[in-house]
Amino acid sequence: MAQFTLYTHKGGPNPWKAAMCLKELGLTYESVYLDFQKNEQKNPQHLKLNPNGRVPTLVDHLNNDYTIWESDAVLLYLTDRYDKQRAISLPHDHPDYHHELQYLFFQSSGQGVIWGQANWFNIYHPVPVPSAVTRYRNELKRVLGVLETILQDKPYLLGDKFTIADLSFVTWNNLLSMIFGKGKYEWDDQVPQLDFQKEFPKTYDWNHRINQRQAIAKTNEEKAKIGGH
C-alpha cells in the first residue's frame, strides 16, 4: 500500500506540485484523479477531506490519515515531516527559512492566482473580454519581471540551493505557452504576447533547470502519459 493518497487532476498545475515533491523525497503515493467535468471534486466524500473542494488533497496513511490541502501547505508538510536531511527545504532555524515562506506565499498569491485568471480569460471564459486578458497578461509579465530581478545573480530563489520555493513555481510556468496561445487571442496584436526566453532569460533558464531534475522530469512524463496538459 502506498503511504499517501493524492487527490488530484490530470491537468491542474497545483496537484502536480505535490506529486513532484513526493517524488523528490522518494515517497510512495496513489493518485486519485477527480473529473472536474463531473464535479467530482465537490462530492461529499472529497469534501469531508477538503471542504474547499479543490485539489490537491493529500492523505498520509502512516500519520493516522493526516489530511492536508492547499498545494504550498502540502509542500511544507512533506518537507517538515519527511525531508529530514533538508535536501529540498530549509530548517526552521536557517536564516533564510522565512524567505522560503515568503516565496511560497508569493507563488500562491502572486503567481498562481494571476496565471489562473490569465488562463481562464484566454481559454475558458465564454465571451471574449480583451480588457481582462490584457490586465492579467500584464500582471503576469510583471510577476515574471520580479522573478527575473531576484534571479539576476543566483541560480535559485534562495541562492545555490534548490528548494520547494523553486518547485512551487514550475507547474504554472509550464503553462505559459497555453496561457498565451490556443485561445481567442493568439493572433490578436491588441493584447500582450510573450516570448518567455527572450523577455525573461534568467527566469526561463531557472524554470528549464527545474524541469530537468530527475523527479520533476518523471512527474512531467507521468502527467503527459495520462493526457494532462
Protein backbone atom coordinates (compact mmCIF):
# COMPACT_ATOMS: atom_id res chain seq x y z
CA MET A 1 0.00 0.00 0.00
CA ALA A 2 1.25 3.46 -0.86
CA GLN A 3 1.90 5.80 2.07
CA PHE A 4 -0.14 8.65 0.59
CA THR A 5 -3.32 9.14 -1.35
CA LEU A 6 -3.17 12.22 -3.57
CA TYR A 7 -6.48 13.57 -4.81
CA THR A 8 -5.55 15.34 -7.98
CA HIS A 9 -6.49 16.36 -11.51
CA LYS A 10 -4.96 15.30 -14.80
CA GLY A 11 -4.22 18.82 -15.95
CA GLY A 12 -4.36 21.17 -12.98
CA PRO A 13 -0.93 22.56 -12.04
CA ASN A 14 -1.32 22.68 -8.25
CA PRO A 15 -1.65 18.95 -7.50
CA TRP A 16 1.32 18.18 -9.73
CA LYS A 17 3.46 20.28 -7.38
CA ALA A 18 2.58 17.79 -4.64
CA ALA A 19 3.46 14.88 -6.91
CA MET A 20 6.82 16.45 -7.72
CA CYS A 21 7.61 16.90 -4.04
CA LEU A 22 6.60 13.32 -3.22
CA LYS A 23 8.91 12.06 -5.97
CA GLU A 24 11.77 14.32 -4.84
CA LEU A 25 11.51 12.77 -1.37
CA GLY A 26 11.09 9.20 -2.63
CA LEU A 27 7.67 8.81 -1.01
CA THR A 28 5.03 6.43 -2.36
CA TYR A 29 1.59 7.65 -3.33
CA GLU A 30 -1.54 6.65 -5.18
CA SER A 31 -3.22 9.27 -7.33
CA VAL A 32 -6.98 9.63 -7.44
CA TYR A 33 -7.88 11.76 -10.46
CA LEU A 34 -11.07 13.73 -9.93
CA ASP A 35 -13.12 14.61 -13.00
CA PHE A 36 -13.96 18.30 -12.78
CA GLN A 37 -16.41 18.00 -15.68
CA LYS A 38 -18.46 15.73 -13.40
CA ASN A 39 -17.83 17.99 -10.39
CA GLU A 40 -16.21 15.08 -8.54
CA GLN A 41 -14.08 17.49 -6.51
CA LYS A 42 -17.32 18.60 -4.82
CA ASN A 43 -18.59 15.13 -3.97
CA PRO A 44 -19.37 14.51 -0.28
CA GLN A 45 -16.50 12.06 0.20
CA HIS A 46 -13.92 14.56 -1.01
CA LEU A 47 -15.49 17.50 0.80
CA LYS A 48 -15.09 15.60 4.07
CA LEU A 49 -11.35 15.65 3.41
CA ASN A 50 -11.18 19.09 1.84
CA PRO A 51 -14.11 21.45 2.49
CA ASN A 52 -12.70 23.82 -0.15
CA GLY A 53 -13.45 21.23 -2.83
CA ARG A 54 -10.21 21.83 -4.74
CA VAL A 55 -7.04 19.84 -5.35
CA PRO A 56 -4.55 18.75 -4.20
CA THR A 57 -5.76 16.93 -1.14
CA LEU A 58 -3.14 14.70 0.47
CA VAL A 59 -3.82 11.91 2.97
CA ASP A 60 -0.85 10.50 4.92
CA HIS A 61 -1.78 6.95 5.89
CA LEU A 62 1.31 6.49 8.07
CA ASN A 63 0.37 9.53 10.14
CA ASN A 64 -3.12 8.48 11.20
CA ASP A 65 -4.58 9.53 7.84
CA TYR A 66 -3.46 13.10 8.42
CA THR A 67 -5.07 15.19 5.68
CA ILE A 68 -3.82 18.47 4.28
CA TRP A 69 -4.79 20.64 1.33
CA GLU A 70 -3.52 23.80 -0.40
CA SER A 71 -0.52 22.95 -2.54
CA ASP A 72 2.14 25.04 -0.81
CA ALA A 73 0.93 23.88 2.61
CA VAL A 74 1.33 20.33 1.29
CA LEU A 75 4.93 21.10 0.29
CA LEU A 76 5.68 22.43 3.76
CA TYR A 77 4.08 19.43 5.46
CA LEU A 78 6.02 16.95 3.37
CA THR A 79 9.37 18.63 3.86
CA ASP A 80 8.89 19.41 7.55
CA ARG A 81 7.96 15.82 8.30
CA TYR A 82 9.90 13.77 5.76
CA ASP A 83 12.83 15.85 4.47
CA LYS A 84 14.99 15.09 7.49
CA GLN A 85 18.20 15.91 5.62
CA ARG A 86 16.63 19.11 4.29
CA ALA A 87 17.55 18.14 0.74
CA ILE A 88 14.92 20.39 -0.82
CA SER A 89 13.97 22.67 2.07
CA LEU A 90 15.45 24.76 4.85
CA PRO A 91 15.40 24.04 8.59
CA HIS A 92 13.33 26.41 10.69
CA ASP A 93 16.40 27.96 12.28
CA HIS A 94 18.05 28.73 8.94
CA PRO A 95 18.50 32.49 8.29
CA ASP A 96 16.60 32.17 5.01
CA TYR A 97 13.75 29.98 6.28
CA HIS A 98 11.29 32.87 6.32
CA HIS A 99 12.42 33.85 2.84
CA GLU A 100 11.46 30.32 1.78
CA LEU A 101 7.99 31.00 3.22
CA GLN A 102 7.99 34.41 1.54
CA TYR A 103 8.46 32.88 -1.89
CA LEU A 104 5.83 30.21 -1.24
CA PHE A 105 3.34 32.93 -0.32
CA PHE A 106 4.38 34.95 -3.36
CA GLN A 107 3.75 31.91 -5.54
CA SER A 108 0.30 31.37 -4.07
CA SER A 109 -0.86 34.98 -4.24
CA GLY A 110 1.31 36.48 -6.97
CA GLN A 111 1.75 33.68 -9.47
CA GLY A 112 -0.97 31.05 -9.07
CA VAL A 113 -3.89 33.47 -8.86
CA ILE A 114 -2.73 35.62 -11.79
CA TRP A 115 -1.73 32.73 -14.05
CA GLY A 116 -5.07 31.10 -13.31
CA GLN A 117 -7.08 34.19 -14.23
CA ALA A 118 -5.00 34.79 -17.35
CA ASN A 119 -5.62 31.20 -18.40
CA TRP A 120 -9.35 31.42 -17.65
CA PHE A 121 -9.91 34.50 -19.78
CA ASN A 122 -7.71 33.18 -22.60
CA ILE A 123 -9.21 29.68 -22.82
CA TYR A 124 -12.42 29.15 -20.87
CA HIS A 125 -14.37 32.39 -20.48
CA PRO A 126 -17.34 32.10 -22.88
CA VAL A 127 -17.25 35.72 -24.07
CA PRO A 128 -14.06 37.46 -25.27
CA VAL A 129 -13.01 40.18 -22.80
CA PRO A 130 -9.85 41.81 -24.21
CA SER A 131 -9.53 44.21 -21.26
CA ALA A 132 -9.41 41.31 -18.79
CA VAL A 133 -6.91 39.40 -20.92
CA THR A 134 -4.73 42.49 -21.15
CA ARG A 135 -4.92 43.12 -17.41
CA TYR A 136 -3.94 39.61 -16.37
CA ARG A 137 -1.29 39.17 -19.04
CA ASN A 138 0.34 42.43 -17.99
CA GLU A 139 0.25 41.41 -14.33
CA LEU A 140 1.67 38.01 -15.26
CA LYS A 141 4.57 39.70 -17.02
CA ARG A 142 5.07 41.97 -14.01
CA VAL A 143 5.43 38.91 -11.75
CA LEU A 144 7.87 37.33 -14.21
CA GLY A 145 9.83 40.59 -14.01
CA VAL A 146 10.00 40.27 -10.22
CA LEU A 147 11.39 36.75 -10.57
CA GLU A 148 13.84 37.97 -13.22
CA THR A 149 15.18 40.57 -10.78
CA ILE A 150 15.51 38.03 -7.95
CA LEU A 151 17.33 35.54 -10.19
CA GLN A 152 19.81 38.00 -11.71
CA ASP A 153 22.81 36.80 -9.71
CA LYS A 154 21.81 33.38 -8.37
CA PRO A 155 20.62 30.07 -9.81
CA TYR A 156 17.71 29.58 -7.39
CA LEU A 157 15.44 31.81 -5.34
CA LEU A 158 17.43 31.13 -2.16
CA GLY A 159 20.89 31.13 -3.73
CA ASP A 160 22.68 27.96 -4.75
CA LYS A 161 20.16 25.59 -3.17
CA PHE A 162 17.07 24.25 -4.93
CA THR A 163 14.10 24.18 -2.56
CA ILE A 164 10.34 23.76 -2.56
CA ALA A 165 10.18 27.52 -3.12
CA ASP A 166 11.54 26.95 -6.63
CA LEU A 167 9.45 23.83 -7.16
CA SER A 168 6.27 25.72 -6.32
CA PHE A 169 6.52 27.91 -9.44
CA VAL A 170 7.36 25.38 -12.13
CA THR A 171 3.99 23.80 -12.93
CA TRP A 172 2.34 27.15 -13.55
CA ASN A 173 5.28 28.42 -15.61
CA ASN A 174 4.99 25.29 -17.74
CA LEU A 175 1.53 26.52 -18.79
CA LEU A 176 2.75 29.82 -20.23
CA SER A 177 2.57 28.63 -23.83
CA MET A 178 -1.06 27.64 -23.28
CA ILE A 179 -1.95 30.86 -21.46
CA PHE A 180 -0.58 32.92 -24.36
CA GLY A 181 -1.85 30.66 -27.12
CA LYS A 182 -4.55 28.25 -28.24
CA GLY A 183 -7.23 30.67 -27.17
CA LYS A 184 -9.18 33.55 -28.62
CA TYR A 185 -6.27 35.97 -28.57
CA GLU A 186 -3.33 34.05 -30.02
CA TRP A 187 -3.04 36.32 -33.05
CA ASP A 188 -4.59 39.48 -31.58
CA ASP A 189 -1.96 42.23 -31.55
CA GLN A 190 -4.16 44.31 -29.24
CA VAL A 191 -3.33 42.11 -26.23
CA PRO A 192 0.15 41.43 -24.80
CA GLN A 193 2.10 38.45 -26.10
CA LEU A 194 5.07 36.67 -24.52
CA ASP A 195 8.45 35.40 -25.62
CA PHE A 196 9.44 33.78 -22.31
CA GLN A 197 13.06 33.02 -23.21
CA LYS A 198 13.76 36.39 -24.81
CA GLU A 199 11.96 38.65 -22.34
CA PHE A 200 12.87 36.85 -19.11
CA PRO A 201 16.03 34.81 -19.83
CA LYS A 202 17.09 34.23 -16.21
CA THR A 203 13.63 33.04 -15.24
CA TYR A 204 13.39 30.88 -18.35
CA ASP A 205 16.74 29.21 -17.58
CA TRP A 206 15.73 28.68 -13.94
CA ASN A 207 12.49 27.05 -14.99
CA HIS A 208 14.33 24.88 -17.51
CA ARG A 209 16.82 23.68 -14.86
CA ILE A 210 14.00 22.74 -12.51
CA ASN A 211 12.27 20.73 -15.24
CA GLN A 212 15.49 18.82 -15.84
CA ARG A 213 15.64 17.47 -12.29
CA GLN A 214 15.04 13.72 -12.30
CA ALA A 215 11.98 13.76 -10.04
CA ILE A 216 10.46 16.73 -11.85
CA ALA A 217 11.07 15.22 -15.28
CA LYS A 218 9.50 11.92 -14.19
CA THR A 219 6.46 13.74 -12.89
CA ASN A 220 6.12 15.68 -16.15
CA GLU A 221 6.34 12.37 -18.03
CA GLU A 222 3.65 10.87 -15.81
CA LYS A 223 1.41 13.86 -16.48
CA ALA A 224 1.95 13.66 -20.24
CA LYS A 225 1.28 9.92 -20.23
CA ILE A 226 -2.21 10.34 -18.77
CA GLY A 227 -3.01 13.22 -21.10
CA GLY A 228 -2.55 16.13 -18.71
CA HIS A 229 -1.86 19.44 -20.45
